[in-house]
Amino acid sequence: MKMTNEFNLFDSIKTGMEEAIEFSKGELKSAKVDRVTILPIRRYGKEDIKTIRQNKGMSQRIFAQTLGVSKKTIEAWEAGTSNPSGTANRLLELLELDNEIFERYSIVEHQATITSTASR
């Protein structure tokens, strides 16, 4: 999926390198400077993780499958006997910021059906 009209870090770095080379050769009188700041990774505790999972309306098993970890991992995180890695913390942060991120990118598809015993 290609994103348009958004900041592209790779393209920015590539352009910056090209401009830096031209600047060092004297081919440019000035060069644009872009500064990229990456926020520190937040560390999520057991209550935070449980709240995020419950806000998604997921069981521990489904949440584990969605994150690509085992159910035992989710159980341990929520019990506080182990902690998520940096990558898992960043993913939890994304989920906290955007509760619909998995659905938006079709990682999770939710289908509701109604069944009735009245017609039996």
PDB file of N, CA and C in Angstrom:
ATOM      1  N   MET A   1       0.851  -1.168   0.000  1.00  0.00           N
ATOM      2  CA  MET A   1       0.000   0.000   0.000  1.00  0.00           C
ATOM      3  C   MET A   1       0.901   1.237   0.000  1.00  0.00           C
ATOM      4  N   LYS A   2       0.795   2.064  -1.003  1.00  0.00           N
ATOM      5  CA  LYS A   2       1.615   3.262  -1.106  1.00  0.00           C
ATOM      6  C   LYS A   2       0.880   4.448  -0.501  1.00  0.00           C
ATOM      7  N   MET A   3       1.575   5.156   0.387  1.00  0.00           N
ATOM      8  CA  MET A   3       0.982   6.333   1.015  1.00  0.00           C
ATOM      9  C   MET A   3       1.397   7.566   0.232  1.00  0.00           C
ATOM     10  N   THR A   4       0.462   8.487   0.062  1.00  0.00           N
ATOM     11  CA  THR A   4       0.746   9.703  -0.679  1.00  0.00           C
ATOM     12  C   THR A   4       0.619  10.896   0.236  1.00  0.00           C
ATOM     13  N   ASN A   5       1.279  11.983  -0.139  1.00  0.00           N
ATOM     14  CA  ASN A   5       1.226  13.241   0.610  1.00  0.00           C
ATOM     15  C   ASN A   5       1.646  13.092   2.071  1.00  0.00           C
ATOM     16  N   GLU A   6       2.506  12.144   2.357  1.00  0.00           N
ATOM     17  CA  GLU A   6       2.982  11.954   3.714  1.00  0.00           C
ATOM     18  C   GLU A   6       4.503  12.013   3.719  1.00  0.00           C
ATOM     19  N   PHE A   7       5.041  12.381   4.851  1.00  0.00           N
ATOM     20  CA  PHE A   7       6.480  12.431   5.018  1.00  0.00           C
ATOM     21  C   PHE A   7       7.056  11.039   4.816  1.00  0.00           C
ATOM     22  N   ASN A   8       8.064  10.913   3.974  1.00  0.00           N
ATOM     23  CA  ASN A   8       8.724   9.647   3.721  1.00  0.00           C
ATOM     24  C   ASN A   8      10.159   9.774   4.202  1.00  0.00           C
ATOM     25  N   LEU A   9      10.497   9.091   5.272  1.00  0.00           N
ATOM     26  CA  LEU A   9      11.809   9.199   5.885  1.00  0.00           C
ATOM     27  C   LEU A   9      12.923   8.806   4.919  1.00  0.00           C
ATOM     28  N   PHE A  10      12.756   7.716   4.180  1.00  0.00           N
ATOM     29  CA  PHE A  10      13.787   7.283   3.245  1.00  0.00           C
ATOM     30  C   PHE A  10      14.059   8.343   2.186  1.00  0.00           C
ATOM     31  N   ASP A  11      12.980   8.857   1.585  1.00  0.00           N
ATOM     32  CA  ASP A  11      13.158   9.872   0.546  1.00  0.00           C
ATOM     33  C   ASP A  11      13.812  11.130   1.109  1.00  0.00           C
ATOM     34  N   SER A  12      13.451  11.489   2.333  1.00  0.00           N
ATOM     35  CA  SER A  12      14.046  12.665   2.971  1.00  0.00           C
ATOM     36  C   SER A  12      15.547  12.469   3.193  1.00  0.00           C
ATOM     37  N   ILE A  13      15.928  11.290   3.655  1.00  0.00           N
ATOM     38  CA  ILE A  13      17.351  10.995   3.888  1.00  0.00           C
ATOM     39  C   ILE A  13      18.102  10.980   2.560  1.00  0.00           C
ATOM     40  N   LYS A  14      17.513  10.351   1.555  1.00  0.00           N
ATOM     41  CA  LYS A  14      18.156  10.273   0.234  1.00  0.00           C
ATOM     42  C   LYS A  14      18.372  11.673  -0.338  1.00  0.00           C
ATOM     43  N   THR A  15      17.340  12.493  -0.297  1.00  0.00           N
ATOM     44  CA  THR A  15      17.449  13.865  -0.804  1.00  0.00           C
ATOM     45  C   THR A  15      18.493  14.636  -0.015  1.00  0.00           C
ATOM     46  N   GLY A  16      18.478  14.455   1.299  1.00  0.00           N
ATOM     47  CA  GLY A  16      19.456  15.129   2.152  1.00  0.00           C
ATOM     48  C   GLY A  16      20.880  14.740   1.818  1.00  0.00           C
ATOM     49  N   MET A  17      21.105  13.468   1.561  1.00  0.00           N
ATOM     50  CA  MET A  17      22.451  13.002   1.197  1.00  0.00           C
ATOM     51  C   MET A  17      22.888  13.582  -0.145  1.00  0.00           C
ATOM     52  N   GLU A  18      21.972  13.606  -1.095  1.00  0.00           N
ATOM     53  CA  GLU A  18      22.292  14.179  -2.406  1.00  0.00           C
ATOM     54  C   GLU A  18      22.631  15.661  -2.275  1.00  0.00           C
ATOM     55  N   GLU A  19      21.835  16.391  -1.477  1.00  0.00           N
ATOM     56  CA  GLU A  19      22.105  17.815  -1.264  1.00  0.00           C
ATOM     57  C   GLU A  19      23.417  18.023  -0.511  1.00  0.00           C
ATOM     58  N   ALA A  20      23.719  17.159   0.445  1.00  0.00           N
ATOM     59  CA  ALA A  20      24.969  17.287   1.204  1.00  0.00           C
ATOM     60  C   ALA A  20      26.176  17.109   0.287  1.00  0.00           C
ATOM     61  N   ILE A  21      26.091  16.182  -0.646  1.00  0.00           N
ATOM     62  CA  ILE A  21      27.186  15.963  -1.596  1.00  0.00           C
ATOM     63  C   ILE A  21      27.351  17.187  -2.495  1.00  0.00           C
ATOM     64  N   GLU A  22      26.232  17.696  -3.013  1.00  0.00           N
ATOM     65  CA  GLU A  22      26.289  18.893  -3.861  1.00  0.00           C
ATOM     66  C   GLU A  22      26.823  20.086  -3.071  1.00  0.00           C
ATOM     67  N   PHE A  23      26.406  20.222  -1.814  1.00  0.00           N
ATOM     68  CA  PHE A  23      26.854  21.332  -0.966  1.00  0.00           C
ATOM     69  C   PHE A  23      28.361  21.239  -0.723  1.00  0.00           C
ATOM     70  N   SER A  24      28.831  20.015  -0.439  1.00  0.00           N
ATOM     71  CA  SER A  24      30.267  19.840  -0.173  1.00  0.00           C
ATOM     72  C   SER A  24      31.123  20.103  -1.411  1.00  0.00           C
ATOM     73  N   LYS A  25      30.555  19.921  -2.597  1.00  0.00           N
ATOM     74  CA  LYS A  25      31.266  20.191  -3.846  1.00  0.00           C
ATOM     75  C   LYS A  25      31.149  21.656  -4.252  1.00  0.00           C
ATOM     76  N   GLY A  26      30.376  22.423  -3.478  1.00  0.00           N
ATOM     77  CA  GLY A  26      30.188  23.832  -3.795  1.00  0.00           C
ATOM     78  C   GLY A  26      29.130  24.084  -4.853  1.00  0.00           C
ATOM     79  N   GLU A  27      28.366  23.077  -5.171  1.00  0.00           N
ATOM     80  CA  GLU A  27      27.328  23.208  -6.187  1.00  0.00           C
ATOM     81  C   GLU A  27      26.043  23.814  -5.627  1.00  0.00           C
ATOM     82  N   LEU A  28      25.916  23.844  -4.307  1.00  0.00           N
ATOM     83  CA  LEU A  28      24.757  24.460  -3.637  1.00  0.00           C
ATOM     84  C   LEU A  28      25.262  25.513  -2.665  1.00  0.00           C
ATOM     85  N   LYS A  29      24.572  26.654  -2.601  1.00  0.00           N
ATOM     86  CA  LYS A  29      24.972  27.710  -1.666  1.00  0.00           C
ATOM     87  C   LYS A  29      24.384  27.467  -0.279  1.00  0.00           C
ATOM     88  N   SER A  30      23.281  26.746  -0.224  1.00  0.00           N
ATOM     89  CA  SER A  30      22.673  26.416   1.062  1.00  0.00           C
ATOM     90  C   SER A  30      22.023  25.043   0.961  1.00  0.00           C
ATOM     91  N   ALA A  31      21.797  24.436   2.099  1.00  0.00           N
ATOM     92  CA  ALA A  31      21.169  23.118   2.132  1.00  0.00           C
ATOM     93  C   ALA A  31      20.074  23.103   3.190  1.00  0.00           C
ATOM     94  N   LYS A  32      19.001  22.427   2.892  1.00  0.00           N
ATOM     95  CA  LYS A  32      17.879  22.290   3.813  1.00  0.00           C
ATOM     96  C   LYS A  32      18.245  21.274   4.898  1.00  0.00           C
ATOM     97  N   VAL A  33      17.840  21.546   6.126  1.00  0.00           N
ATOM     98  CA  VAL A  33      18.096  20.635   7.239  1.00  0.00           C
ATOM     99  C   VAL A  33      16.761  20.140   7.779  1.00  0.00           C
ATOM    100  N   ASP A  34      16.590  18.828   7.788  1.00  0.00           N
ATOM    101  CA  ASP A  34      15.416  18.209   8.394  1.00  0.00           C
ATOM    102  C   ASP A  34      15.873  17.504   9.661  1.00  0.00           C
ATOM    103  N   ARG A  35      15.143  17.710  10.727  1.00  0.00           N
ATOM    104  CA  ARG A  35      15.431  17.020  11.978  1.00  0.00           C
ATOM    105  C   ARG A  35      14.284  16.064  12.265  1.00  0.00           C
ATOM    106  N   VAL A  36      14.621  14.831  12.543  1.00  0.00           N
ATOM    107  CA  VAL A  36      13.627  13.816  12.857  1.00  0.00           C
ATOM    108  C   VAL A  36      13.794  13.443  14.319  1.00  0.00           C
ATOM    109  N   THR A  37      12.710  13.541  15.062  1.00  0.00           N
ATOM    110  CA  THR A  37      12.729  13.169  16.465  1.00  0.00           C
ATOM    111  C   THR A  37      11.849  11.942  16.645  1.00  0.00           C
ATOM    112  N   ILE A  38      12.393  10.942  17.269  1.00  0.00           N
ATOM    113  CA  ILE A  38      11.635   9.723  17.544  1.00  0.00           C
ATOM    114  C   ILE A  38      11.390   9.670  19.038  1.00  0.00           C
ATOM    115  N   LEU A  39      10.126   9.611  19.396  1.00  0.00           N
ATOM    116  CA  LEU A  39       9.777   9.585  20.809  1.00  0.00           C
ATOM    117  C   LEU A  39      10.276   8.307  21.457  1.00  0.00           C
ATOM    118  N   PRO A  40      10.657   8.385  22.729  1.00  0.00           N
ATOM    119  CA  PRO A  40      11.091   7.173  23.435  1.00  0.00           C
ATOM    120  C   PRO A  40       9.950   6.153  23.495  1.00  0.00           C
ATOM    121  N   ILE A  41      10.319   4.905  23.573  1.00  0.00           N
ATOM    122  CA  ILE A  41       9.322   3.843  23.653  1.00  0.00           C
ATOM    123  C   ILE A  41       8.746   3.815  25.062  1.00  0.00           C
ATOM    124  N   ARG A  42       7.434   3.882  25.129  1.00  0.00           N
ATOM    125  CA  ARG A  42       6.755   3.798  26.419  1.00  0.00           C
ATOM    126  C   ARG A  42       6.759   2.352  26.888  1.00  0.00           C
ATOM    127  N   ARG A  43       6.928   2.150  28.169  1.00  0.00           N
ATOM    128  CA  ARG A  43       6.886   0.809  28.750  1.00  0.00           C
ATOM    129  C   ARG A  43       5.490   0.556  29.312  1.00  0.00           C
ATOM    130  N   TYR A  44       4.861  -0.529  28.886  1.00  0.00           N
ATOM    131  CA  TYR A  44       3.509  -0.842  29.308  1.00  0.00           C
ATOM    132  C   TYR A  44       3.515  -1.875  30.423  1.00  0.00           C
ATOM    133  N   GLY A  45       2.733  -1.594  31.463  1.00  0.00           N
ATOM    134  CA  GLY A  45       2.584  -2.502  32.592  1.00  0.00           C
ATOM    135  C   GLY A  45       1.376  -3.398  32.426  1.00  0.00           C
ATOM    136  N   LYS A  46       1.201  -4.288  33.379  1.00  0.00           N
ATOM    137  CA  LYS A  46       0.142  -5.300  33.277  1.00  0.00           C
ATOM    138  C   LYS A  46      -1.251  -4.701  33.142  1.00  0.00           C
ATOM    139  N   GLU A  47      -1.557  -3.657  33.894  1.00  0.00           N
ATOM    140  CA  GLU A  47      -2.892  -3.054  33.808  1.00  0.00           C
ATOM    141  C   GLU A  47      -3.101  -2.350  32.469  1.00  0.00           C
ATOM    142  N   ASP A  48      -2.040  -1.699  31.980  1.00  0.00           N
ATOM    143  CA  ASP A  48      -2.122  -1.028  30.671  1.00  0.00           C
ATOM    144  C   ASP A  48      -2.450  -2.031  29.569  1.00  0.00           C
ATOM    145  N   ILE A  49      -1.759  -3.154  29.591  1.00  0.00           N
ATOM    146  CA  ILE A  49      -1.919  -4.169  28.546  1.00  0.00           C
ATOM    147  C   ILE A  49      -3.331  -4.754  28.590  1.00  0.00           C
ATOM    148  N   LYS A  50      -3.784  -5.060  29.786  1.00  0.00           N
ATOM    149  CA  LYS A  50      -5.133  -5.612  29.939  1.00  0.00           C
ATOM    150  C   LYS A  50      -6.180  -4.613  29.443  1.00  0.00           C
ATOM    151  N   THR A  51      -5.995  -3.338  29.764  1.00  0.00           N
ATOM    152  CA  THR A  51      -6.936  -2.303  29.321  1.00  0.00           C
ATOM    153  C   THR A  51      -6.961  -2.193  27.807  1.00  0.00           C
ATOM    154  N   ILE A  52      -5.789  -2.198  27.176  1.00  0.00           N
ATOM    155  CA  ILE A  52      -5.715  -2.119  25.707  1.00  0.00           C
ATOM    156  C   ILE A  52      -6.431  -3.317  25.088  1.00  0.00           C
ATOM    157  N   ARG A  53      -6.162  -4.512  25.618  1.00  0.00           N
ATOM    158  CA  ARG A  53      -6.802  -5.724  25.093  1.00  0.00           C
ATOM    159  C   ARG A  53      -8.315  -5.656  25.255  1.00  0.00           C
ATOM    160  N   GLN A  54      -8.766  -5.251  26.432  1.00  0.00           N
ATOM    161  CA  GLN A  54     -10.208  -5.172  26.680  1.00  0.00           C
ATOM    162  C   GLN A  54     -10.865  -4.108  25.814  1.00  0.00           C
ATOM    163  N   ASN A  55     -10.170  -2.987  25.589  1.00  0.00           N
ATOM    164  CA  ASN A  55     -10.711  -1.946  24.694  1.00  0.00           C
ATOM    165  C   ASN A  55     -10.878  -2.459  23.273  1.00  0.00           C
ATOM    166  N   LYS A  56     -10.050  -3.420  22.886  1.00  0.00           N
ATOM    167  CA  LYS A  56     -10.183  -4.042  21.563  1.00  0.00           C
ATOM    168  C   LYS A  56     -11.273  -5.096  21.565  1.00  0.00           C
ATOM    169  N   GLY A  57     -11.765  -5.465  22.765  1.00  0.00           N
ATOM    170  CA  GLY A  57     -12.804  -6.494  22.862  1.00  0.00           C
ATOM    171  C   GLY A  57     -12.289  -7.868  22.506  1.00  0.00           C
ATOM    172  N   MET A  58     -11.010  -8.131  22.816  1.00  0.00           N
ATOM    173  CA  MET A  58     -10.386  -9.399  22.432  1.00  0.00           C
ATOM    174  C   MET A  58     -10.091 -10.259  23.653  1.00  0.00           C
ATOM    175  N   SER A  59     -10.191 -11.567  23.442  1.00  0.00           N
ATOM    176  CA  SER A  59      -9.732 -12.511  24.453  1.00  0.00           C
ATOM    177  C   SER A  59      -8.205 -12.504  24.443  1.00  0.00           C
ATOM    178  N   GLN A  60      -7.608 -13.104  25.452  1.00  0.00           N
ATOM    179  CA  GLN A  60      -6.146 -13.189  25.464  1.00  0.00           C
ATOM    180  C   GLN A  60      -5.633 -13.972  24.258  1.00  0.00           C
ATOM    181  N   ARG A  61      -6.348 -15.025  23.885  1.00  0.00           N
ATOM    182  CA  ARG A  61      -5.921 -15.855  22.746  1.00  0.00           C
ATOM    183  C   ARG A  61      -5.935 -15.056  21.444  1.00  0.00           C
ATOM    184  N   ILE A  62      -7.016 -14.341  21.184  1.00  0.00           N
ATOM    185  CA  ILE A  62      -7.125 -13.553  19.943  1.00  0.00           C
ATOM    186  C   ILE A  62      -6.111 -12.404  19.950  1.00  0.00           C
ATOM    187  N   PHE A  63      -5.962 -11.747  21.084  1.00  0.00           N
ATOM    188  CA  PHE A  63      -4.995 -10.649  21.203  1.00  0.00           C
ATOM    189  C   PHE A  63      -3.583 -11.162  20.926  1.00  0.00           C
ATOM    190  N   ALA A  64      -3.258 -12.337  21.470  1.00  0.00           N
ATOM    191  CA  ALA A  64      -1.941 -12.939  21.247  1.00  0.00           C
ATOM    192  C   ALA A  64      -1.723 -13.223  19.761  1.00  0.00           C
ATOM    193  N   GLN A  65      -2.716 -13.798  19.103  1.00  0.00           N
ATOM    194  CA  GLN A  65      -2.594 -14.085  17.665  1.00  0.00           C
ATOM    195  C   GLN A  65      -2.390 -12.799  16.877  1.00  0.00           C
ATOM    196  N   THR A  66      -3.114 -11.760  17.264  1.00  0.00           N
ATOM    197  CA  THR A  66      -3.023 -10.484  16.556  1.00  0.00           C
ATOM    198  C   THR A  66      -1.634  -9.873  16.695  1.00  0.00           C
ATOM    199  N   LEU A  67      -1.050  -9.971  17.886  1.00  0.00           N
ATOM    200  CA  LEU A  67       0.277  -9.405  18.119  1.00  0.00           C
ATOM    201  C   LEU A  67       1.408 -10.330  17.669  1.00  0.00           C
ATOM    202  N   GLY A  68       1.076 -11.577  17.364  1.00  0.00           N
ATOM    203  CA  GLY A  68       2.101 -12.525  16.927  1.00  0.00           C
ATOM    204  C   GLY A  68       2.901 -13.109  18.079  1.00  0.00           C
ATOM    205  N   VAL A  69       2.250 -13.238  19.239  1.00  0.00           N
ATOM    206  CA  VAL A  69       2.890 -13.850  20.406  1.00  0.00           C
ATOM    207  C   VAL A  69       1.994 -14.975  20.909  1.00  0.00           C
ATOM    208  N   SER A  70       2.481 -15.732  21.871  1.00  0.00           N
ATOM    209  CA  SER A  70       1.672 -16.824  22.414  1.00  0.00           C
ATOM    210  C   SER A  70       0.688 -16.299  23.458  1.00  0.00           C
ATOM    211  N   LYS A  71      -0.344 -17.088  23.715  1.00  0.00           N
ATOM    212  CA  LYS A  71      -1.317 -16.737  24.755  1.00  0.00           C
ATOM    213  C   LYS A  71      -0.613 -16.669  26.112  1.00  0.00           C
ATOM    214  N   LYS A  72       0.349 -17.553  26.322  1.00  0.00           N
ATOM    215  CA  LYS A  72       1.103 -17.545  27.583  1.00  0.00           C
ATOM    216  C   LYS A  72       1.871 -16.231  27.766  1.00  0.00           C
ATOM    217  N   THR A  73       2.332 -15.652  26.667  1.00  0.00           N
ATOM    218  CA  THR A  73       3.018 -14.361  26.732  1.00  0.00           C
ATOM    219  C   THR A  73       2.060 -13.280  27.223  1.00  0.00           C
ATOM    220  N   ILE A  74       0.846 -13.243  26.652  1.00  0.00           N
ATOM    221  CA  ILE A  74      -0.153 -12.261  27.082  1.00  0.00           C
ATOM    222  C   ILE A  74      -0.499 -12.493  28.547  1.00  0.00           C
ATOM    223  N   GLU A  75      -0.679 -13.738  28.937  1.00  0.00           N
ATOM    224  CA  GLU A  75      -0.980 -14.062  30.339  1.00  0.00           C
ATOM    225  C   GLU A  75       0.128 -13.546  31.258  1.00  0.00           C
ATOM    226  N   ALA A  76       1.370 -13.755  30.858  1.00  0.00           N
ATOM    227  CA  ALA A  76       2.513 -13.319  31.678  1.00  0.00           C
ATOM    228  C   ALA A  76       2.592 -11.795  31.747  1.00  0.00           C
ATOM    229  N   TRP A  77       2.349 -11.117  30.640  1.00  0.00           N
ATOM    230  CA  TRP A  77       2.351  -9.649  30.640  1.00  0.00           C
ATOM    231  C   TRP A  77       1.282  -9.123  31.579  1.00  0.00           C
ATOM    232  N   GLU A  78       0.075  -9.700  31.483  1.00  0.00           N
ATOM    233  CA  GLU A  78      -1.039  -9.216  32.293  1.00  0.00           C
ATOM    234  C   GLU A  78      -0.895  -9.606  33.764  1.00  0.00           C
ATOM    235  N   ALA A  79      -0.130 -10.639  34.042  1.00  0.00           N
ATOM    236  CA  ALA A  79       0.131 -11.023  35.429  1.00  0.00           C
ATOM    237  C   ALA A  79       1.319 -10.245  36.001  1.00  0.00           C
ATOM    238  N   GLY A  80       2.078  -9.616  35.118  1.00  0.00           N
ATOM    239  CA  GLY A  80       3.248  -8.863  35.556  1.00  0.00           C
ATOM    240  C   GLY A  80       4.478  -9.722  35.799  1.00  0.00           C
ATOM    241  N   THR A  81       4.451 -10.983  35.334  1.00  0.00           N
ATOM    242  CA  THR A  81       5.610 -11.858  35.527  1.00  0.00           C
ATOM    243  C   THR A  81       6.646 -11.703  34.413  1.00  0.00           C
ATOM    244  N   SER A  82       6.253 -11.057  33.315  1.00  0.00           N
ATOM    245  CA  SER A  82       7.220 -10.682  32.281  1.00  0.00           C
ATOM    246  C   SER A  82       6.721  -9.389  31.648  1.00  0.00           C
ATOM    247  N   ASN A  83       7.588  -8.765  30.878  1.00  0.00           N
ATOM    248  CA  ASN A  83       7.270  -7.469  30.276  1.00  0.00           C
ATOM    249  C   ASN A  83       7.460  -7.521  28.770  1.00  0.00           C
ATOM    250  N   PRO A  84       6.665  -6.750  28.044  1.00  0.00           N
ATOM    251  CA  PRO A  84       6.825  -6.713  26.590  1.00  0.00           C
ATOM    252  C   PRO A  84       8.190  -6.153  26.186  1.00  0.00           C
ATOM    253  N   SER A  85       8.675  -6.607  25.031  1.00  0.00           N
ATOM    254  CA  SER A  85       9.924  -6.081  24.475  1.00  0.00           C
ATOM    255  C   SER A  85       9.687  -4.681  23.930  1.00  0.00           C
ATOM    256  N   GLY A  86      10.757  -4.042  23.490  1.00  0.00           N
ATOM    257  CA  GLY A  86      10.633  -2.718  22.898  1.00  0.00           C
ATOM    258  C   GLY A  86       9.692  -2.693  21.715  1.00  0.00           C
ATOM    259  N   THR A  87       9.815  -3.686  20.836  1.00  0.00           N
ATOM    260  CA  THR A  87       8.950  -3.758  19.660  1.00  0.00           C
ATOM    261  C   THR A  87       7.492  -3.942  20.060  1.00  0.00           C
ATOM    262  N   ALA A  88       7.248  -4.834  21.006  1.00  0.00           N
ATOM    263  CA  ALA A  88       5.877  -5.070  21.472  1.00  0.00           C
ATOM    264  C   ALA A  88       5.326  -3.819  22.159  1.00  0.00           C
ATOM    265  N   ASN A  89       6.159  -3.118  22.921  1.00  0.00           N
ATOM    266  CA  ASN A  89       5.718  -1.878  23.557  1.00  0.00           C
ATOM    267  C   ASN A  89       5.317  -0.843  22.512  1.00  0.00           C
ATOM    268  N   ARG A  90       6.084  -0.738  21.432  1.00  0.00           N
ATOM    269  CA  ARG A  90       5.751   0.232  20.379  1.00  0.00           C
ATOM    270  C   ARG A  90       4.426  -0.153  19.719  1.00  0.00           C
ATOM    271  N   LEU A  91       4.216  -1.435  19.497  1.00  0.00           N
ATOM    272  CA  LEU A  91       2.960  -1.892  18.909  1.00  0.00           C
ATOM    273  C   LEU A  91       1.789  -1.624  19.853  1.00  0.00           C
ATOM    274  N   LEU A  92       1.983  -1.848  21.149  1.00  0.00           N
ATOM    275  CA  LEU A  92       0.944  -1.537  22.134  1.00  0.00           C
ATOM    276  C   LEU A  92       0.636  -0.038  22.126  1.00  0.00           C
ATOM    277  N   GLU A  93       1.681   0.767  21.948  1.00  0.00           N
ATOM    278  CA  GLU A  93       1.488   2.219  21.883  1.00  0.00           C
ATOM    279  C   GLU A  93       0.629   2.598  20.677  1.00  0.00           C
ATOM    280  N   LEU A  94       0.911   1.985  19.539  1.00  0.00           N
ATOM    281  CA  LEU A  94       0.113   2.253  18.342  1.00  0.00           C
ATOM    282  C   LEU A  94      -1.344   1.861  18.556  1.00  0.00           C
ATOM    283  N   LEU A  95      -1.556   0.727  19.214  1.00  0.00           N
ATOM    284  CA  LEU A  95      -2.921   0.296  19.513  1.00  0.00           C
ATOM    285  C   LEU A  95      -3.622   1.247  20.474  1.00  0.00           C
ATOM    286  N   GLU A  96      -2.881   1.756  21.431  1.00  0.00           N
ATOM    287  CA  GLU A  96      -3.460   2.699  22.381  1.00  0.00           C
ATOM    288  C   GLU A  96      -3.841   4.008  21.676  1.00  0.00           C
ATOM    289  N   LEU A  97      -3.014   4.438  20.747  1.00  0.00           N
ATOM    290  CA  LEU A  97      -3.273   5.675  20.019  1.00  0.00           C
ATOM    291  C   LEU A  97      -4.372   5.522  18.978  1.00  0.00           C
ATOM    292  N   ASP A  98      -4.473   4.335  18.390  1.00  0.00           N
ATOM    293  CA  ASP A  98      -5.436   4.105  17.315  1.00  0.00           C
ATOM    294  C   ASP A  98      -6.047   2.719  17.483  1.00  0.00           C
ATOM    295  N   ASN A  99      -7.169   2.658  18.161  1.00  0.00           N
ATOM    296  CA  ASN A  99      -7.825   1.387  18.475  1.00  0.00           C
ATOM    297  C   ASN A  99      -8.262   0.613  17.234  1.00  0.00           C
ATOM    298  N   GLU A 100      -8.322   1.266  16.094  1.00  0.00           N
ATOM    299  CA  GLU A 100      -8.789   0.622  14.860  1.00  0.00           C
ATOM    300  C   GLU A 100      -7.658   0.304  13.878  1.00  0.00           C
ATOM    301  N   ILE A 101      -6.412   0.427  14.304  1.00  0.00           N
ATOM    302  CA  ILE A 101      -5.285   0.260  13.384  1.00  0.00           C
ATOM    303  C   ILE A 101      -5.256  -1.124  12.732  1.00  0.00           C
ATOM    304  N   PHE A 102      -5.569  -2.177  13.491  1.00  0.00           N
ATOM    305  CA  PHE A 102      -5.546  -3.527  12.913  1.00  0.00           C
ATOM    306  C   PHE A 102      -6.623  -3.693  11.849  1.00  0.00           C
ATOM    307  N   GLU A 103      -7.789  -3.124  12.098  1.00  0.00           N
ATOM    308  CA  GLU A 103      -8.866  -3.213  11.118  1.00  0.00           C
ATOM    309  C   GLU A 103      -8.557  -2.371   9.884  1.00  0.00           C
ATOM    310  N   ARG A 104      -7.994  -1.204  10.095  1.00  0.00           N
ATOM    311  CA  ARG A 104      -7.687  -0.302   8.984  1.00  0.00           C
ATOM    312  C   ARG A 104      -6.744  -0.945   7.976  1.00  0.00           C
ATOM    313  N   TYR A 105      -5.805  -1.726   8.456  1.00  0.00           N
ATOM    314  CA  TYR A 105      -4.833  -2.362   7.569  1.00  0.00           C
ATOM    315  C   TYR A 105      -5.155  -3.827   7.318  1.00  0.00           C
ATOM    316  N   SER A 106      -6.393  -4.212   7.600  1.00  0.00           N
ATOM    317  CA  SER A 106      -6.902  -5.573   7.341  1.00  0.00           C
ATOM    318  C   SER A 106      -6.080  -6.665   8.010  1.00  0.00           C
ATOM    319  N   ILE A 107      -5.493  -6.353   9.149  1.00  0.00           N
ATOM    320  CA  ILE A 107      -4.807  -7.374   9.939  1.00  0.00           C
ATOM    321  C   ILE A 107      -5.857  -8.194  10.681  1.00  0.00           C
ATOM    322  N   VAL A 108      -6.911  -7.507  11.102  1.00  0.00           N
ATOM    323  CA  VAL A 108      -8.039  -8.146  11.764  1.00  0.00           C
ATOM    324  C   VAL A 108      -9.296  -7.747  11.005  1.00  0.00           C
ATOM    325  N   GLU A 109     -10.094  -8.741  10.664  1.00  0.00           N
ATOM    326  CA  GLU A 109     -11.376  -8.461  10.035  1.00  0.00           C
ATOM    327  C   GLU A 109     -12.469  -8.929  10.979  1.00  0.00           C
ATOM    328  N   HIS A 110     -13.405  -8.047  11.249  1.00  0.00           N
ATOM    329  CA  HIS A 110     -14.492  -8.354  12.166  1.00  0.00           C
ATOM    330  C   HIS A 110     -15.772  -8.504  11.372  1.00  0.00           C
ATOM    331  N   GLN A 111     -16.425  -9.646  11.534  1.00  0.00           N
ATOM    332  CA  GLN A 111     -17.694  -9.886  10.855  1.00  0.00           C
ATOM    333  C   GLN A 111     -18.720 -10.285  11.905  1.00  0.00           C
ATOM    334  N   ALA A 112     -19.832  -9.598  11.905  1.00  0.00           N
ATOM    335  CA  ALA A 112     -20.910  -9.922  12.833  1.00  0.00           C
ATOM    336  C   ALA A 112     -22.003 -10.658  12.082  1.00  0.00           C
ATOM    337  N   THR A 113     -22.492 -11.717  12.667  1.00  0.00           N
ATOM    338  CA  THR A 113     -23.611 -12.434  12.081  1.00  0.00           C
ATOM    339  C   THR A 113     -24.678 -12.622  13.150  1.00  0.00           C
ATOM    340  N   ILE A 114     -25.885 -12.718  12.703  1.00  0.00           N
ATOM    341  CA  ILE A 114     -27.002 -12.926  13.618  1.00  0.00           C
ATOM    342  C   ILE A 114     -27.590 -14.295  13.297  1.00  0.00           C
ATOM    343  N   THR A 115     -27.698 -15.114  14.312  1.00  0.00           N
ATOM    344  CA  THR A 115     -28.331 -16.414  14.138  1.00  0.00           C
ATOM    345  C   THR A 115     -29.571 -16.451  15.010  1.00  0.00           C
ATOM    346  N   SER A 116     -30.497 -17.227  14.576  1.00  0.00           N
ATOM    347  CA  SER A 116     -31.752 -17.308  15.303  1.00  0.00           C
ATOM    348  C   SER A 116     -32.200 -18.751  15.409  1.00  0.00           C
ATOM    349  N   THR A 117     -32.739 -19.111  16.541  1.00  0.00           N
ATOM    350  CA  THR A 117     -33.293 -20.442  16.709  1.00  0.00           C
ATOM    351  C   THR A 117     -34.782 -20.444  16.426  1.00  0.00           C
ATOM    352  N   ALA A 118     -35.348 -19.266  16.131  1.00  0.00           N
ATOM    353  CA  ALA A 118     -36.789 -19.135  15.909  1.00  0.00           C
ATOM    354  C   ALA A 118     -37.256 -19.911  14.679  1.00  0.00           C
ATOM    355  N   SER A 119     -36.421 -20.050  13.682  1.00  0.00           N
ATOM    356  CA  SER A 119     -36.843 -20.714  12.435  1.00  0.00           C
ATOM    357  C   SER A 119     -36.736 -22.230  12.511  1.00  0.00           C
ATOM    358  N   ARG A 120     -36.259 -22.765  13.615  1.00  0.00           N
ATOM    359  CA  ARG A 120     -36.098 -24.236  13.747  1.00  0.00           C
ATOM    360  C   ARG A 120     -37.373 -24.911  14.034  1.00  0.00           C
TER     361      ARG A 120
END
